[in-house]
Amino acid sequence: MFSLLNVFRIVAFLEGVSYILLLFIATPIKYFGEDPQYVKLLGMPHGLLFIAYIILAIILGSKLKWKTKTLMFILFASIIPFGTFYVDKAYLKQVS
């Protein structure tokens, strides 16, 4: 079945994709194309994935006994475009 780590990796991937779509596709369409429909469509799922990412990172961090600095970096990566992909490659693949 799915381990907590696998669920976190899936959520991290989806959160990263939704963030990129929101920043680089939906937002320019909203402001340059004057069509807010895509921001409304992607905003809620991205928000839910962001919250799930934060919660799962905290739970996984306590289970894997991450240092505070590591946990803070992983949490901070969720607000940087492509940050969750880096976290997956640099931190999560080492654990599995």
PDB file of N, CA and C in Angstrom:
ATOM      1  N   MET A   1       0.835  -1.182   0.000  1.00  0.00           N
ATOM      2  CA  MET A   1       0.000   0.000   0.000  1.00  0.00           C
ATOM      3  C   MET A   1       0.883   1.250   0.000  1.00  0.00           C
ATOM      4  N   PHE A   2       0.274   2.396   0.174  1.00  0.00           N
ATOM      5  CA  PHE A   2       1.006   3.651   0.167  1.00  0.00           C
ATOM      6  C   PHE A   2       1.560   3.949   1.555  1.00  0.00           C
ATOM      7  N   SER A   3       2.838   4.254   1.600  1.00  0.00           N
ATOM      8  CA  SER A   3       3.429   4.701   2.853  1.00  0.00           C
ATOM      9  C   SER A   3       3.230   6.210   2.961  1.00  0.00           C
ATOM     10  N   LEU A   4       3.480   6.732   4.123  1.00  0.00           N
ATOM     11  CA  LEU A   4       3.357   8.177   4.335  1.00  0.00           C
ATOM     12  C   LEU A   4       4.326   8.932   3.425  1.00  0.00           C
ATOM     13  N   LEU A   5       5.503   8.371   3.238  1.00  0.00           N
ATOM     14  CA  LEU A   5       6.484   9.004   2.360  1.00  0.00           C
ATOM     15  C   LEU A   5       5.977   9.064   0.926  1.00  0.00           C
ATOM     16  N   ASN A   6       5.392   7.980   0.434  1.00  0.00           N
ATOM     17  CA  ASN A   6       4.866   7.965  -0.935  1.00  0.00           C
ATOM     18  C   ASN A   6       3.711   8.948  -1.103  1.00  0.00           C
ATOM     19  N   VAL A   7       2.854   9.027  -0.117  1.00  0.00           N
ATOM     20  CA  VAL A   7       1.744   9.982  -0.171  1.00  0.00           C
ATOM     21  C   VAL A   7       2.294  11.406  -0.194  1.00  0.00           C
ATOM     22  N   PHE A   8       3.299  11.675   0.631  1.00  0.00           N
ATOM     23  CA  PHE A   8       3.904  13.010   0.650  1.00  0.00           C
ATOM     24  C   PHE A   8       4.553  13.336  -0.688  1.00  0.00           C
ATOM     25  N   ARG A   9       5.219  12.366  -1.289  1.00  0.00           N
ATOM     26  CA  ARG A   9       5.856  12.610  -2.593  1.00  0.00           C
ATOM     27  C   ARG A   9       4.815  12.922  -3.663  1.00  0.00           C
ATOM     28  N   ILE A  10       3.689  12.223  -3.628  1.00  0.00           N
ATOM     29  CA  ILE A  10       2.614  12.484  -4.598  1.00  0.00           C
ATOM     30  C   ILE A  10       2.029  13.873  -4.378  1.00  0.00           C
ATOM     31  N   VAL A  11       1.739  14.208  -3.125  1.00  0.00           N
ATOM     32  CA  VAL A  11       1.188  15.530  -2.807  1.00  0.00           C
ATOM     33  C   VAL A  11       2.185  16.620  -3.182  1.00  0.00           C
ATOM     34  N   ALA A  12       3.469  16.402  -2.924  1.00  0.00           N
ATOM     35  CA  ALA A  12       4.496  17.390  -3.267  1.00  0.00           C
ATOM     36  C   ALA A  12       4.544  17.611  -4.777  1.00  0.00           C
ATOM     37  N   PHE A  13       4.455  16.533  -5.539  1.00  0.00           N
ATOM     38  CA  PHE A  13       4.460  16.657  -6.998  1.00  0.00           C
ATOM     39  C   PHE A  13       3.239  17.439  -7.475  1.00  0.00           C
ATOM     40  N   LEU A  14       2.061  17.064  -6.988  1.00  0.00           N
ATOM     41  CA  LEU A  14       0.833  17.732  -7.410  1.00  0.00           C
ATOM     42  C   LEU A  14       0.804  19.189  -6.970  1.00  0.00           C
ATOM     43  N   GLU A  15       1.317  19.475  -5.784  1.00  0.00           N
ATOM     44  CA  GLU A  15       1.376  20.853  -5.296  1.00  0.00           C
ATOM     45  C   GLU A  15       2.305  21.675  -6.184  1.00  0.00           C
ATOM     46  N   GLY A  16       3.438  21.095  -6.552  1.00  0.00           N
ATOM     47  CA  GLY A  16       4.372  21.791  -7.425  1.00  0.00           C
ATOM     48  C   GLY A  16       3.792  22.076  -8.800  1.00  0.00           C
ATOM     49  N   VAL A  17       3.112  21.088  -9.368  1.00  0.00           N
ATOM     50  CA  VAL A  17       2.490  21.276 -10.682  1.00  0.00           C
ATOM     51  C   VAL A  17       1.390  22.331 -10.605  1.00  0.00           C
ATOM     52  N   SER A  18       0.554  22.257  -9.577  1.00  0.00           N
ATOM     53  CA  SER A  18      -0.537  23.230  -9.462  1.00  0.00           C
ATOM     54  C   SER A  18       0.004  24.644  -9.262  1.00  0.00           C
ATOM     55  N   TYR A  19       1.102  24.779  -8.530  1.00  0.00           N
ATOM     56  CA  TYR A  19       1.708  26.093  -8.303  1.00  0.00           C
ATOM     57  C   TYR A  19       2.274  26.669  -9.602  1.00  0.00           C
ATOM     58  N   ILE A  20       2.943  25.827 -10.371  1.00  0.00           N
ATOM     59  CA  ILE A  20       3.504  26.275 -11.653  1.00  0.00           C
ATOM     60  C   ILE A  20       2.385  26.681 -12.610  1.00  0.00           C
ATOM     61  N   LEU A  21       1.335  25.866 -12.683  1.00  0.00           N
ATOM     62  CA  LEU A  21       0.203  26.208 -13.549  1.00  0.00           C
ATOM     63  C   LEU A  21      -0.448  27.520 -13.113  1.00  0.00           C
ATOM     64  N   LEU A  22      -0.591  27.693 -11.812  1.00  0.00           N
ATOM     65  CA  LEU A  22      -1.207  28.910 -11.283  1.00  0.00           C
ATOM     66  C   LEU A  22      -0.345  30.139 -11.576  1.00  0.00           C
ATOM     67  N   LEU A  23       0.963  30.028 -11.332  1.00  0.00           N
ATOM     68  CA  LEU A  23       1.851  31.183 -11.518  1.00  0.00           C
ATOM     69  C   LEU A  23       2.114  31.535 -12.973  1.00  0.00           C
ATOM     70  N   PHE A  24       2.367  30.520 -13.773  1.00  0.00           N
ATOM     71  CA  PHE A  24       2.869  30.787 -15.125  1.00  0.00           C
ATOM     72  C   PHE A  24       1.827  30.676 -16.228  1.00  0.00           C
ATOM     73  N   ILE A  25       0.660  30.169 -15.904  1.00  0.00           N
ATOM     74  CA  ILE A  25      -0.394  30.081 -16.919  1.00  0.00           C
ATOM     75  C   ILE A  25      -1.641  30.855 -16.491  1.00  0.00           C
ATOM     76  N   ALA A  26      -2.197  30.492 -15.337  1.00  0.00           N
ATOM     77  CA  ALA A  26      -3.468  31.084 -14.912  1.00  0.00           C
ATOM     78  C   ALA A  26      -3.348  32.579 -14.599  1.00  0.00           C
ATOM     79  N   THR A  27      -2.305  32.963 -13.876  1.00  0.00           N
ATOM     80  CA  THR A  27      -2.159  34.368 -13.503  1.00  0.00           C
ATOM     81  C   THR A  27      -1.909  35.280 -14.710  1.00  0.00           C
ATOM     82  N   PRO A  28      -1.012  34.906 -15.630  1.00  0.00           N
ATOM     83  CA  PRO A  28      -0.878  35.759 -16.830  1.00  0.00           C
ATOM     84  C   PRO A  28      -2.161  35.852 -17.649  1.00  0.00           C
ATOM     85  N   ILE A  29      -2.903  34.747 -17.734  1.00  0.00           N
ATOM     86  CA  ILE A  29      -4.183  34.801 -18.453  1.00  0.00           C
ATOM     87  C   ILE A  29      -5.143  35.744 -17.741  1.00  0.00           C
ATOM     88  N   LYS A  30      -5.107  35.729 -16.417  1.00  0.00           N
ATOM     89  CA  LYS A  30      -6.003  36.607 -15.659  1.00  0.00           C
ATOM     90  C   LYS A  30      -5.688  38.076 -15.919  1.00  0.00           C
ATOM     91  N   TYR A  31      -4.411  38.436 -15.886  1.00  0.00           N
ATOM     92  CA  TYR A  31      -4.063  39.845 -15.992  1.00  0.00           C
ATOM     93  C   TYR A  31      -3.887  40.333 -17.430  1.00  0.00           C
ATOM     94  N   PHE A  32      -3.366  39.495 -18.297  1.00  0.00           N
ATOM     95  CA  PHE A  32      -3.159  39.935 -19.682  1.00  0.00           C
ATOM     96  C   PHE A  32      -4.344  39.591 -20.578  1.00  0.00           C
ATOM     97  N   GLY A  33      -5.027  38.497 -20.280  1.00  0.00           N
ATOM     98  CA  GLY A  33      -6.185  38.104 -21.074  1.00  0.00           C
ATOM     99  C   GLY A  33      -7.495  38.509 -20.441  1.00  0.00           C
ATOM    100  N   GLU A  34      -7.409  39.093 -19.247  1.00  0.00           N
ATOM    101  CA  GLU A  34      -8.587  39.545 -18.495  1.00  0.00           C
ATOM    102  C   GLU A  34      -9.620  38.434 -18.342  1.00  0.00           C
ATOM    103  N   ASP A  35      -9.134  37.237 -18.003  1.00  0.00           N
ATOM    104  CA  ASP A  35     -10.016  36.087 -17.799  1.00  0.00           C
ATOM    105  C   ASP A  35      -9.626  35.386 -16.492  1.00  0.00           C
ATOM    106  N   PRO A  36     -10.316  35.690 -15.385  1.00  0.00           N
ATOM    107  CA  PRO A  36      -9.954  35.119 -14.090  1.00  0.00           C
ATOM    108  C   PRO A  36     -10.417  33.667 -13.883  1.00  0.00           C
ATOM    109  N   GLN A  37     -11.022  33.089 -14.875  1.00  0.00           N
ATOM    110  CA  GLN A  37     -11.595  31.756 -14.757  1.00  0.00           C
ATOM    111  C   GLN A  37     -10.547  30.703 -14.344  1.00  0.00           C
ATOM    112  N   TYR A  38      -9.346  30.764 -14.907  1.00  0.00           N
ATOM    113  CA  TYR A  38      -8.338  29.743 -14.630  1.00  0.00           C
ATOM    114  C   TYR A  38      -7.769  29.863 -13.219  1.00  0.00           C
ATOM    115  N   VAL A  39      -7.656  31.087 -12.720  1.00  0.00           N
ATOM    116  CA  VAL A  39      -7.205  31.273 -11.338  1.00  0.00           C
ATOM    117  C   VAL A  39      -8.239  30.702 -10.381  1.00  0.00           C
ATOM    118  N   LYS A  40      -9.502  30.936 -10.661  1.00  0.00           N
ATOM    119  CA  LYS A  40     -10.565  30.387  -9.821  1.00  0.00           C
ATOM    120  C   LYS A  40     -10.570  28.859  -9.883  1.00  0.00           C
ATOM    121  N   LEU A  41     -10.309  28.326 -11.062  1.00  0.00           N
ATOM    122  CA  LEU A  41     -10.311  26.882 -11.254  1.00  0.00           C
ATOM    123  C   LEU A  41      -9.141  26.202 -10.544  1.00  0.00           C
ATOM    124  N   LEU A  42      -7.960  26.810 -10.594  1.00  0.00           N
ATOM    125  CA  LEU A  42      -6.761  26.200 -10.011  1.00  0.00           C
ATOM    126  C   LEU A  42      -6.486  26.629  -8.567  1.00  0.00           C
ATOM    127  N   GLY A  43      -7.074  27.728  -8.146  1.00  0.00           N
ATOM    128  CA  GLY A  43      -6.764  28.275  -6.824  1.00  0.00           C
ATOM    129  C   GLY A  43      -7.126  27.364  -5.668  1.00  0.00           C
ATOM    130  N   MET A  44      -8.332  26.848  -5.654  1.00  0.00           N
ATOM    131  CA  MET A  44      -8.774  25.998  -4.541  1.00  0.00           C
ATOM    132  C   MET A  44      -7.986  24.681  -4.471  1.00  0.00           C
ATOM    133  N   PRO A  45      -7.834  23.950  -5.580  1.00  0.00           N
ATOM    134  CA  PRO A  45      -7.038  22.718  -5.482  1.00  0.00           C
ATOM    135  C   PRO A  45      -5.598  22.981  -5.041  1.00  0.00           C
ATOM    136  N   HIS A  46      -5.015  24.069  -5.539  1.00  0.00           N
ATOM    137  CA  HIS A  46      -3.651  24.381  -5.117  1.00  0.00           C
ATOM    138  C   HIS A  46      -3.606  24.690  -3.619  1.00  0.00           C
ATOM    139  N   GLY A  47      -4.569  25.435  -3.127  1.00  0.00           N
ATOM    140  CA  GLY A  47      -4.619  25.746  -1.695  1.00  0.00           C
ATOM    141  C   GLY A  47      -4.737  24.507  -0.836  1.00  0.00           C
ATOM    142  N   LEU A  48      -5.583  23.581  -1.247  1.00  0.00           N
ATOM    143  CA  LEU A  48      -5.742  22.330  -0.497  1.00  0.00           C
ATOM    144  C   LEU A  48      -4.467  21.486  -0.553  1.00  0.00           C
ATOM    145  N   LEU A  49      -3.831  21.436  -1.721  1.00  0.00           N
ATOM    146  CA  LEU A  49      -2.576  20.690  -1.846  1.00  0.00           C
ATOM    147  C   LEU A  49      -1.465  21.340  -1.025  1.00  0.00           C
ATOM    148  N   PHE A  50      -1.450  22.663  -0.980  1.00  0.00           N
ATOM    149  CA  PHE A  50      -0.458  23.377  -0.177  1.00  0.00           C
ATOM    150  C   PHE A  50      -0.619  23.036   1.304  1.00  0.00           C
ATOM    151  N   ILE A  51      -1.842  23.073   1.787  1.00  0.00           N
ATOM    152  CA  ILE A  51      -2.104  22.744   3.193  1.00  0.00           C
ATOM    153  C   ILE A  51      -1.735  21.293   3.478  1.00  0.00           C
ATOM    154  N   ALA A  52      -2.105  20.382   2.566  1.00  0.00           N
ATOM    155  CA  ALA A  52      -1.754  18.970   2.736  1.00  0.00           C
ATOM    156  C   ALA A  52      -0.239  18.791   2.756  1.00  0.00           C
ATOM    157  N   TYR A  53       0.478  19.515   1.897  1.00  0.00           N
ATOM    158  CA  TYR A  53       1.943  19.444   1.853  1.00  0.00           C
ATOM    159  C   TYR A  53       2.532  19.857   3.199  1.00  0.00           C
ATOM    160  N   ILE A  54       2.062  20.958   3.747  1.00  0.00           N
ATOM    161  CA  ILE A  54       2.590  21.462   5.022  1.00  0.00           C
ATOM    162  C   ILE A  54       2.327  20.459   6.145  1.00  0.00           C
ATOM    163  N   ILE A  55       1.107  19.978   6.226  1.00  0.00           N
ATOM    164  CA  ILE A  55       0.748  19.034   7.297  1.00  0.00           C
ATOM    165  C   ILE A  55       1.549  17.742   7.170  1.00  0.00           C
ATOM    166  N   LEU A  56       1.615  17.200   5.959  1.00  0.00           N
ATOM    167  CA  LEU A  56       2.352  15.954   5.760  1.00  0.00           C
ATOM    168  C   LEU A  56       3.850  16.140   6.006  1.00  0.00           C
ATOM    169  N   ALA A  57       4.395  17.289   5.650  1.00  0.00           N
ATOM    170  CA  ALA A  57       5.817  17.548   5.900  1.00  0.00           C
ATOM    171  C   ALA A  57       6.110  17.561   7.395  1.00  0.00           C
ATOM    172  N   ILE A  58       5.236  18.167   8.169  1.00  0.00           N
ATOM    173  CA  ILE A  58       5.431  18.210   9.622  1.00  0.00           C
ATOM    174  C   ILE A  58       5.319  16.811  10.221  1.00  0.00           C
ATOM    175  N   ILE A  59       4.328  16.045   9.791  1.00  0.00           N
ATOM    176  CA  ILE A  59       4.161  14.675  10.302  1.00  0.00           C
ATOM    177  C   ILE A  59       5.350  13.810   9.907  1.00  0.00           C
ATOM    178  N   LEU A  60       5.738  13.881   8.635  1.00  0.00           N
ATOM    179  CA  LEU A  60       6.857  13.079   8.148  1.00  0.00           C
ATOM    180  C   LEU A  60       8.169  13.509   8.801  1.00  0.00           C
ATOM    181  N   GLY A  61       8.327  14.802   9.010  1.00  0.00           N
ATOM    182  CA  GLY A  61       9.528  15.304   9.666  1.00  0.00           C
ATOM    183  C   GLY A  61       9.684  14.772  11.074  1.00  0.00           C
ATOM    184  N   SER A  62       8.584  14.678  11.800  1.00  0.00           N
ATOM    185  CA  SER A  62       8.675  14.134  13.161  1.00  0.00           C
ATOM    186  C   SER A  62       8.920  12.629  13.136  1.00  0.00           C
ATOM    187  N   LYS A  63       8.339  11.938  12.154  1.00  0.00           N
ATOM    188  CA  LYS A  63       8.564  10.487  12.035  1.00  0.00           C
ATOM    189  C   LYS A  63       9.997  10.163  11.645  1.00  0.00           C
ATOM    190  N   LEU A  64      10.547  10.930  10.715  1.00  0.00           N
ATOM    191  CA  LEU A  64      11.898  10.671  10.226  1.00  0.00           C
ATOM    192  C   LEU A  64      12.967  11.415  11.018  1.00  0.00           C
ATOM    193  N   LYS A  65      12.537  12.158  12.032  1.00  0.00           N
ATOM    194  CA  LYS A  65      13.431  12.907  12.912  1.00  0.00           C
ATOM    195  C   LYS A  65      14.349  13.860  12.134  1.00  0.00           C
ATOM    196  N   TRP A  66      13.706  14.646  11.266  1.00  0.00           N
ATOM    197  CA  TRP A  66      14.454  15.659  10.530  1.00  0.00           C
ATOM    198  C   TRP A  66      14.894  16.751  11.485  1.00  0.00           C
ATOM    199  N   LYS A  67      16.046  17.321  11.216  1.00  0.00           N
ATOM    200  CA  LYS A  67      16.490  18.484  11.981  1.00  0.00           C
ATOM    201  C   LYS A  67      15.552  19.643  11.664  1.00  0.00           C
ATOM    202  N   THR A  68      15.461  20.590  12.562  1.00  0.00           N
ATOM    203  CA  THR A  68      14.593  21.745  12.363  1.00  0.00           C
ATOM    204  C   THR A  68      14.966  22.498  11.098  1.00  0.00           C
ATOM    205  N   LYS A  69      16.250  22.620  10.825  1.00  0.00           N
ATOM    206  CA  LYS A  69      16.712  23.320   9.629  1.00  0.00           C
ATOM    207  C   LYS A  69      16.226  22.609   8.360  1.00  0.00           C
ATOM    208  N   THR A  70      16.279  21.294   8.342  1.00  0.00           N
ATOM    209  CA  THR A  70      15.812  20.519   7.189  1.00  0.00           C
ATOM    210  C   THR A  70      14.317  20.702   7.005  1.00  0.00           C
ATOM    211  N   LEU A  71      13.565  20.593   8.081  1.00  0.00           N
ATOM    212  CA  LEU A  71      12.117  20.765   8.002  1.00  0.00           C
ATOM    213  C   LEU A  71      11.757  22.165   7.513  1.00  0.00           C
ATOM    214  N   MET A  72      12.432  23.167   8.021  1.00  0.00           N
ATOM    215  CA  MET A  72      12.154  24.538   7.587  1.00  0.00           C
ATOM    216  C   MET A  72      12.451  24.715   6.097  1.00  0.00           C
ATOM    217  N   PHE A  73      13.540  24.103   5.620  1.00  0.00           N
ATOM    218  CA  PHE A  73      13.869  24.191   4.201  1.00  0.00           C
ATOM    219  C   PHE A  73      12.786  23.519   3.361  1.00  0.00           C
ATOM    220  N   ILE A  74      12.322  22.352   3.787  1.00  0.00           N
ATOM    221  CA  ILE A  74      11.286  21.621   3.050  1.00  0.00           C
ATOM    222  C   ILE A  74       9.975  22.403   3.052  1.00  0.00           C
ATOM    223  N   LEU A  75       9.645  23.027   4.159  1.00  0.00           N
ATOM    224  CA  LEU A  75       8.442  23.861   4.216  1.00  0.00           C
ATOM    225  C   LEU A  75       8.599  25.100   3.333  1.00  0.00           C
ATOM    226  N   PHE A  76       9.765  25.724   3.376  1.00  0.00           N
ATOM    227  CA  PHE A  76      10.028  26.920   2.577  1.00  0.00           C
ATOM    228  C   PHE A  76       9.980  26.614   1.082  1.00  0.00           C
ATOM    229  N   ALA A  77      10.382  25.408   0.704  1.00  0.00           N
ATOM    230  CA  ALA A  77      10.402  25.015  -0.711  1.00  0.00           C
ATOM    231  C   ALA A  77       9.009  25.027  -1.329  1.00  0.00           C
ATOM    232  N   SER A  78       7.977  24.947  -0.510  1.00  0.00           N
ATOM    233  CA  SER A  78       6.611  24.923  -1.045  1.00  0.00           C
ATOM    234  C   SER A  78       6.175  26.283  -1.597  1.00  0.00           C
ATOM    235  N   ILE A  79       6.896  27.346  -1.262  1.00  0.00           N
ATOM    236  CA  ILE A  79       6.506  28.667  -1.775  1.00  0.00           C
ATOM    237  C   ILE A  79       7.423  29.146  -2.899  1.00  0.00           C
ATOM    238  N   ILE A  80       8.376  28.306  -3.278  1.00  0.00           N
ATOM    239  CA  ILE A  80       9.286  28.634  -4.375  1.00  0.00           C
ATOM    240  C   ILE A  80       8.881  27.784  -5.583  1.00  0.00           C
ATOM    241  N   PRO A  81       8.718  28.399  -6.747  1.00  0.00           N
ATOM    242  CA  PRO A  81       8.412  27.586  -7.936  1.00  0.00           C
ATOM    243  C   PRO A  81       9.485  26.513  -8.150  1.00  0.00           C
ATOM    244  N   PHE A  82       9.062  25.320  -8.431  1.00  0.00           N
ATOM    245  CA  PHE A  82       9.912  24.143  -8.631  1.00  0.00           C
ATOM    246  C   PHE A  82      10.579  23.661  -7.345  1.00  0.00           C
ATOM    247  N   GLY A  83      10.282  24.274  -6.217  1.00  0.00           N
ATOM    248  CA  GLY A  83      10.897  23.893  -4.945  1.00  0.00           C
ATOM    249  C   GLY A  83      10.539  22.494  -4.493  1.00  0.00           C
ATOM    250  N   THR A  84       9.306  22.097  -4.702  1.00  0.00           N
ATOM    251  CA  THR A  84       8.888  20.757  -4.258  1.00  0.00           C
ATOM    252  C   THR A  84       9.562  19.668  -5.087  1.00  0.00           C
ATOM    253  N   PHE A  85       9.886  19.964  -6.340  1.00  0.00           N
ATOM    254  CA  PHE A  85      10.595  18.992  -7.171  1.00  0.00           C
ATOM    255  C   PHE A  85      12.025  18.803  -6.670  1.00  0.00           C
ATOM    256  N   TYR A  86      12.646  19.896  -6.244  1.00  0.00           N
ATOM    257  CA  TYR A  86      13.995  19.809  -5.679  1.00  0.00           C
ATOM    258  C   TYR A  86      13.979  19.014  -4.384  1.00  0.00           C
ATOM    259  N   VAL A  87      12.990  19.262  -3.537  1.00  0.00           N
ATOM    260  CA  VAL A  87      12.880  18.530  -2.274  1.00  0.00           C
ATOM    261  C   VAL A  87      12.745  17.038  -2.538  1.00  0.00           C
ATOM    262  N   ASP A  88      11.945  16.675  -3.520  1.00  0.00           N
ATOM    263  CA  ASP A  88      11.768  15.265  -3.836  1.00  0.00           C
ATOM    264  C   ASP A  88      13.095  14.642  -4.250  1.00  0.00           C
ATOM    265  N   LYS A  89      13.835  15.333  -5.101  1.00  0.00           N
ATOM    266  CA  LYS A  89      15.088  14.786  -5.609  1.00  0.00           C
ATOM    267  C   LYS A  89      16.184  14.775  -4.530  1.00  0.00           C
ATOM    268  N   ALA A  90      16.297  15.842  -3.775  1.00  0.00           N
ATOM    269  CA  ALA A  90      17.405  15.997  -2.834  1.00  0.00           C
ATOM    270  C   ALA A  90      17.168  15.321  -1.481  1.00  0.00           C
ATOM    271  N   TYR A  91      15.914  15.251  -1.036  1.00  0.00           N
ATOM    272  CA  TYR A  91      15.646  14.753   0.310  1.00  0.00           C
ATOM    273  C   TYR A  91      14.836  13.450   0.339  1.00  0.00           C
ATOM    274  N   LEU A  92      13.800  13.394  -0.473  1.00  0.00           N
ATOM    275  CA  LEU A  92      12.860  12.276  -0.333  1.00  0.00           C
ATOM    276  C   LEU A  92      13.321  10.999  -1.019  1.00  0.00           C
ATOM    277  N   LYS A  93      14.027  11.107  -2.134  1.00  0.00           N
ATOM    278  CA  LYS A  93      14.525   9.895  -2.798  1.00  0.00           C
ATOM    279  C   LYS A  93      15.591   9.212  -1.983  1.00  0.00           C
ATOM    280  N   GLN A  94      16.317   9.955  -1.153  1.00  0.00           N
ATOM    281  CA  GLN A  94      17.336   9.370  -0.297  1.00  0.00           C
ATOM    282  C   GLN A  94      16.711   8.498   0.784  1.00  0.00           C
ATOM    283  N   VAL A  95      15.510   8.862   1.207  1.00  0.00           N
ATOM    284  CA  VAL A  95      14.837   8.144   2.285  1.00  0.00           C
ATOM    285  C   VAL A  95      14.269   6.823   1.790  1.00  0.00           C
ATOM    286  N   SER A  96      13.732   6.816   0.537  1.00  0.00           N
ATOM    287  CA  SER A  96      13.070   5.595   0.054  1.00  0.00           C
ATOM    288  C   SER A  96      14.025   4.512  -0.319  1.00  0.00           C
TER     289      SER A  96
END
